[in-house]
Amino acid sequence: MKRVIFHFDVISPYAYLAFERLPQALEGLSVEVEYRPLLFAGLLQHWGTKGPAETAPKKVWTFRHIAWLAHEFGTPIETPAQHPFNPLALLRLALACAPAGGTPNRRSCELLFQHVWRGGHDANDPGRLEALRQSLRLQRDPAGDEVKAELKQATADAAARGIFGVPTIDVGGRLFWGVDALPMVAACLRGDAWFDGPAWDAAAVMPQGVQRGG
């Protein structure tokens, strides 16, 4: 059985759509999926970039795009009352669903994603967070130092591997970014000969172009 790692932050609508679409993308394949939370804002800080919701016209396009993708996929989606928002409480809940060093199962991730992307509510509303907490099978204190350190380390490890955004799907060390990469992930897992040729590595070797000043 092949193993896939799904790196995510619940703040990302693309991560939500990819999460919902993943079972269909992997249909017919013998695959074990590990769901690994990380802090998207930490990746942005590491790489010195901005999230799509931080540039006004890009935010408009992003939410039009996800509305279309949700329509195309037949996936329910409602933008939360505030976006962007601080996802730390939710990511720590995700890690607290597993023992030390572990990762949450799909059902726990589903509850977390749907908490954010269904209903159009405030993701950090205290009453809703408490209700979510009660619905999850927590194995650790989400506010504990152990969980906080794990999230920080997971984000640092992802950045060190070259992960710059979410969702990122790791297939045997190859990294695939975005919901639109799901067909590529499936092709790789099915043994498409393209991945055994020179194209994958050759595409990463690009001539140096003009760089903007600092």
Foldseek 3Di string as FASTA:
>chain_A
DFEKEWEAFLLDLQQLLLLVCQCVLQPPFDYDYFYHYADLVLLCVVVVHDDQCVDPVSVVVRVVVSVVVCVVVVHQFAAAQDPPDDRLLLSLLQCQLDPQPGGHDSVLVNLSNCCGTPDRYHSVDPVSSVVNSVVGNGNDDSPDPRSVVSRVVSHVVCVVLVDRGPGWMAGPSDIDHTSVCSNVVSCVSVPPCVVVDCPVVVVVDDDDDDDDDD
